[in-house]
Amino acid sequence: METSAFDIKKECAKEALAVIPNHSIIGLGGGSTISHLIHFIKEKDNFEVQVVTPSMQTKLLCLENGLDVLHTECVDHVDLAFDGCDQVDAQLCALKSGGGIHSLEKLIGSMADEYILLVDESKYVPALTFDQPVVLELLTEAMAYVRSRVEQLGGRPVMRRSAAKDGFTVTDNGHLLMDVSFDQVHDIRQLETNLQAIRGVLDTSLFVDVATKALIAGSSGMKWLNKTTHEVSHS
């Protein structure tokens, strides 16, 4: 019988649980696999962790399940962090687009000794394809300037709006989001450097040299992609 996407995500969460040390501080991003992981942490006997998260939804779910959630601003080190992404490649470069919380996700990922992406096999590619836009969190006052600069880099910028809100989408940090589409990217690291260099850009949803591992879940089992070797190993 074919394994469902739901079951694959649950198995991915179980595999992630196995690498979490007891009495550690962990980072948890958003998404359904993280939700499964939270429930598994709750159910594990004699197991205590403290959590930092960039996601309000994850924070509420942790609190509902009795997990200890720390204020991120009081934390300077995380033992390991888990997150999802839209796409990750063989070099562990990743792209996020949906949630608009990438600035805090990247902060927590940088705090962590290990930043592990939990993905299904459809999100793993040899090199990022940029089918989804790169998202920039930016100062409101920099909107026109950033638009001009990203157009010079070959990007097509669109300010993010929400059907549930009049005007532009505002992040939890009180800033705007700009979705920038690129047709071809030959040097991902250079693009990230160029975008970060634009005054008024707080951070981008391109994750370069942040993730240390990826756990890739599929119908045939789990595979680990390690940054140090760029090799996929089966668990």
Protein backbone atom coordinates (compact mmCIF):
# COMPACT_ATOMS: atom_id res chain seq x y z
CA MET A 1 0.00 0.00 0.00
CA GLU A 2 1.35 3.45 -0.89
CA THR A 3 2.46 5.55 2.05
CA SER A 4 0.41 8.74 2.44
CA ALA A 5 1.93 12.20 2.76
CA PHE A 6 0.50 12.33 6.30
CA ASP A 7 2.28 9.12 7.30
CA ILE A 8 5.54 10.26 5.68
CA LYS A 9 5.50 13.46 7.73
CA LYS A 10 4.80 11.51 10.92
CA GLU A 11 7.72 9.17 10.21
CA CYS A 12 9.93 12.18 9.50
CA ALA A 13 8.96 13.68 12.87
CA LYS A 14 9.75 10.38 14.64
CA GLU A 15 13.20 10.32 13.03
CA ALA A 16 13.77 13.92 14.14
CA LEU A 17 12.70 13.10 17.69
CA ALA A 18 15.41 10.45 17.92
CA VAL A 19 18.23 13.01 17.55
CA ILE A 20 16.97 15.47 20.19
CA PRO A 21 18.97 15.27 23.44
CA ASN A 22 17.07 15.31 26.71
CA HIS A 23 17.14 18.64 28.59
CA SER A 24 18.14 20.57 25.46
CA ILE A 25 16.99 23.87 23.98
CA ILE A 26 15.49 23.34 20.55
CA GLY A 27 14.17 25.60 17.81
CA LEU A 28 10.93 24.66 16.10
CA GLY A 29 9.69 26.32 12.92
CA GLY A 30 6.25 25.89 11.41
CA GLY A 31 4.37 23.31 9.38
CA SER A 32 2.65 19.97 9.81
CA THR A 33 5.83 17.92 10.36
CA ILE A 34 6.76 20.22 13.24
CA SER A 35 3.24 19.75 14.64
CA HIS A 36 3.77 15.97 14.66
CA LEU A 37 7.14 16.47 16.35
CA ILE A 38 5.56 18.53 19.12
CA HIS A 39 3.06 15.75 19.86
CA PHE A 40 5.84 13.14 19.92
CA ILE A 41 7.89 15.27 22.34
CA LYS A 42 4.87 15.54 24.63
CA GLU A 43 4.31 11.77 24.57
CA LYS A 44 7.92 10.77 25.27
CA ASP A 45 8.43 9.67 28.88
CA ASN A 46 10.94 11.46 31.11
CA PHE A 47 11.83 13.84 28.31
CA GLU A 48 12.12 17.59 28.81
CA VAL A 49 13.12 20.26 26.34
CA GLN A 50 12.79 24.01 26.12
CA VAL A 51 11.59 25.57 22.87
CA VAL A 52 12.20 28.77 20.94
CA THR A 53 10.11 29.39 17.86
CA PRO A 54 9.57 32.09 15.22
CA SER A 55 6.00 30.88 14.66
CA MET A 56 3.02 32.04 16.71
CA GLN A 57 1.10 28.94 15.65
CA THR A 58 3.93 26.68 16.82
CA LYS A 59 4.22 28.63 20.07
CA LEU A 60 0.53 28.14 20.84
CA LEU A 61 0.69 24.43 19.96
CA CYS A 62 3.72 23.99 22.24
CA LEU A 63 1.94 25.72 25.12
CA GLU A 64 -1.21 23.67 24.55
CA ASN A 65 0.92 20.53 24.84
CA GLY A 66 2.69 21.65 28.00
CA LEU A 67 6.07 22.42 26.46
CA ASP A 68 8.26 25.13 27.96
CA VAL A 69 8.56 28.01 25.48
CA LEU A 70 11.35 30.54 26.00
CA HIS A 71 11.44 34.16 24.88
CA THR A 72 13.79 34.18 21.90
CA GLU A 73 15.27 37.53 22.90
CA CYS A 74 16.62 35.91 26.09
CA VAL A 75 18.35 33.03 24.26
CA ASP A 76 21.79 33.18 22.62
CA HIS A 77 22.33 29.48 21.90
CA VAL A 78 20.15 26.62 20.67
CA ASP A 79 21.27 22.99 20.68
CA LEU A 80 19.43 22.11 17.48
CA ALA A 81 16.61 23.55 15.43
CA PHE A 82 14.12 22.02 13.02
CA ASP A 83 12.31 23.75 10.20
CA GLY A 84 10.67 23.17 6.85
CA CYS A 85 11.23 24.90 3.52
CA ASP A 86 9.81 25.15 0.02
CA GLN A 87 12.92 23.67 -1.55
CA VAL A 88 16.40 22.51 -0.54
CA ASP A 89 19.27 21.53 -2.82
CA ALA A 90 22.35 19.30 -2.67
CA GLN A 91 24.43 22.13 -1.20
CA LEU A 92 21.84 22.65 1.57
CA CYS A 93 20.82 26.00 0.14
CA ALA A 94 17.13 26.46 0.89
CA LEU A 95 14.30 28.74 -0.16
CA LYS A 96 11.29 29.70 1.95
CA SER A 97 8.43 31.77 0.65
CA GLY A 98 5.14 31.18 2.39
CA GLY A 99 5.14 32.12 6.05
CA GLY A 100 6.87 35.48 6.01
CA ILE A 101 8.76 34.68 9.24
CA HIS A 102 12.09 33.90 7.60
CA SER A 103 14.04 36.62 9.45
CA LEU A 104 13.33 34.99 12.82
CA GLU A 105 13.71 31.49 11.33
CA LYS A 106 17.17 32.41 10.09
CA LEU A 107 18.07 33.98 13.44
CA ILE A 108 17.16 30.81 15.33
CA GLY A 109 18.89 28.67 12.70
CA SER A 110 22.06 30.71 13.19
CA MET A 111 21.85 30.26 16.96
CA ALA A 112 21.71 26.48 16.62
CA ASP A 113 24.59 24.02 16.63
CA GLU A 114 22.55 22.04 14.10
CA TYR A 115 19.84 23.51 11.87
CA ILE A 116 17.93 20.62 10.33
CA LEU A 117 15.42 20.95 7.51
CA LEU A 118 12.57 18.42 7.52
CA VAL A 119 11.25 17.93 3.99
CA ASP A 120 9.53 15.39 1.79
CA GLU A 121 11.40 14.13 -1.26
CA SER A 122 9.45 16.39 -3.66
CA LYS A 123 11.20 19.41 -2.12
CA TYR A 124 14.73 18.10 -2.65
CA VAL A 125 16.41 19.21 -5.89
CA PRO A 126 20.02 19.19 -7.19
CA ALA A 127 19.95 23.01 -7.36
CA LEU A 128 17.28 25.52 -6.36
CA THR A 129 14.91 26.20 -9.25
CA PHE A 130 13.41 29.47 -7.94
CA ASP A 131 9.92 28.42 -8.96
CA GLN A 132 8.87 30.34 -5.85
CA PRO A 133 9.89 33.95 -5.18
CA VAL A 134 12.60 35.10 -2.82
CA VAL A 135 10.91 37.02 -0.01
CA LEU A 136 12.46 40.17 1.42
CA GLU A 137 11.47 41.65 4.76
CA LEU A 138 12.09 45.37 4.52
CA LEU A 139 11.59 48.73 6.12
CA THR A 140 8.49 50.52 4.87
CA GLU A 141 10.50 53.63 4.00
CA ALA A 142 12.81 51.57 1.77
CA MET A 143 10.06 50.12 -0.44
CA ALA A 144 10.70 52.17 -3.62
CA TYR A 145 14.48 51.99 -3.24
CA VAL A 146 14.51 48.22 -2.72
CA ARG A 147 12.18 47.74 -5.69
CA SER A 148 14.58 49.67 -7.90
CA ARG A 149 17.62 47.75 -6.69
CA VAL A 150 16.10 44.28 -7.11
CA GLU A 151 14.97 45.18 -10.63
CA GLN A 152 18.61 46.03 -11.41
CA LEU A 153 19.47 42.51 -10.24
CA GLY A 154 16.95 41.03 -12.69
CA GLY A 155 14.19 40.45 -10.17
CA ARG A 156 10.46 41.11 -10.56
CA PRO A 157 9.25 42.57 -7.24
CA VAL A 158 5.66 42.46 -5.97
CA MET A 159 4.59 43.71 -2.56
CA ARG A 160 2.78 40.98 -0.66
CA ARG A 161 -0.90 41.57 0.07
CA SER A 162 -3.47 39.48 1.89
CA ALA A 163 -7.06 38.80 0.89
CA ALA A 164 -7.93 39.09 4.60
CA LYS A 165 -6.35 42.53 5.04
CA ASP A 166 -6.53 45.80 3.18
CA GLY A 167 -3.16 47.02 1.99
CA PHE A 168 0.19 45.33 2.33
CA THR A 169 0.95 42.33 4.53
CA VAL A 170 2.80 43.34 7.68
CA THR A 171 5.10 40.88 9.47
CA ASP A 172 5.11 40.15 13.21
CA ASN A 173 8.06 42.55 13.34
CA GLY A 174 5.97 45.35 11.81
CA HIS A 175 7.69 45.31 8.42
CA LEU A 176 6.67 44.76 4.80
CA LEU A 177 7.25 41.72 2.61
CA MET A 178 8.36 41.88 -1.01
CA ASP A 179 8.14 38.76 -3.20
CA VAL A 180 10.86 38.84 -5.85
CA SER A 181 10.77 36.40 -8.76
CA PHE A 182 13.91 35.45 -10.67
CA ASP A 183 13.96 33.54 -13.97
CA GLN A 184 17.51 32.22 -13.78
CA VAL A 185 19.96 32.26 -10.90
CA HIS A 186 23.45 31.07 -11.76
CA ASP A 187 25.09 31.92 -8.43
CA ILE A 188 22.84 31.52 -5.39
CA ARG A 189 25.42 32.77 -2.91
CA GLN A 190 26.08 35.90 -4.93
CA LEU A 191 22.35 36.62 -5.19
CA GLU A 192 22.00 36.32 -1.41
CA THR A 193 24.99 38.62 -0.92
CA ASN A 194 23.56 41.20 -3.35
CA LEU A 195 20.10 41.17 -1.76
CA GLN A 196 21.47 41.42 1.77
CA ALA A 197 23.59 44.41 0.71
CA ILE A 198 20.52 46.49 -0.22
CA ARG A 199 19.94 49.10 2.48
CA GLY A 200 16.52 48.64 4.04
CA VAL A 201 16.38 44.87 3.52
CA LEU A 202 16.25 43.18 6.92
CA ASP A 203 16.64 39.63 5.64
CA THR A 204 15.81 37.31 2.76
CA SER A 205 14.10 33.93 2.53
CA LEU A 206 17.19 32.46 0.85
CA PHE A 207 19.03 30.29 3.36
CA VAL A 208 22.69 29.96 2.35
CA ASP A 209 25.16 28.35 4.74
CA VAL A 210 22.51 28.17 7.48
CA ALA A 211 21.23 24.58 7.33
CA THR A 212 23.64 21.89 8.47
CA LYS A 213 21.49 18.87 7.61
CA ALA A 214 18.28 17.91 5.85
CA LEU A 215 16.09 14.93 6.66
CA ILE A 216 14.43 13.91 3.41
CA ALA A 217 11.36 11.73 3.86
CA GLY A 218 9.86 9.59 1.12
CA SER A 219 7.79 6.50 0.51
CA SER A 220 10.98 4.42 0.48
CA GLY A 221 12.24 5.72 3.83
CA MET A 222 14.39 8.47 5.32
CA LYS A 223 17.62 9.97 3.99
CA TRP A 224 19.99 12.40 5.69
CA LEU A 225 21.82 15.05 3.70
CA ASN A 226 24.87 16.35 5.57
CA LYS A 227 26.55 19.67 4.94
CA THR A 228 30.06 18.45 5.65
CA THR A 229 29.98 15.73 2.99
CA HIS A 230 27.08 16.79 0.74
CA GLU A 231 26.23 13.11 0.75
CA VAL A 232 22.87 11.47 1.29
CA SER A 233 22.83 8.63 3.82
CA HIS A 234 19.93 6.30 4.48
CA SER A 235 18.73 5.94 8.04
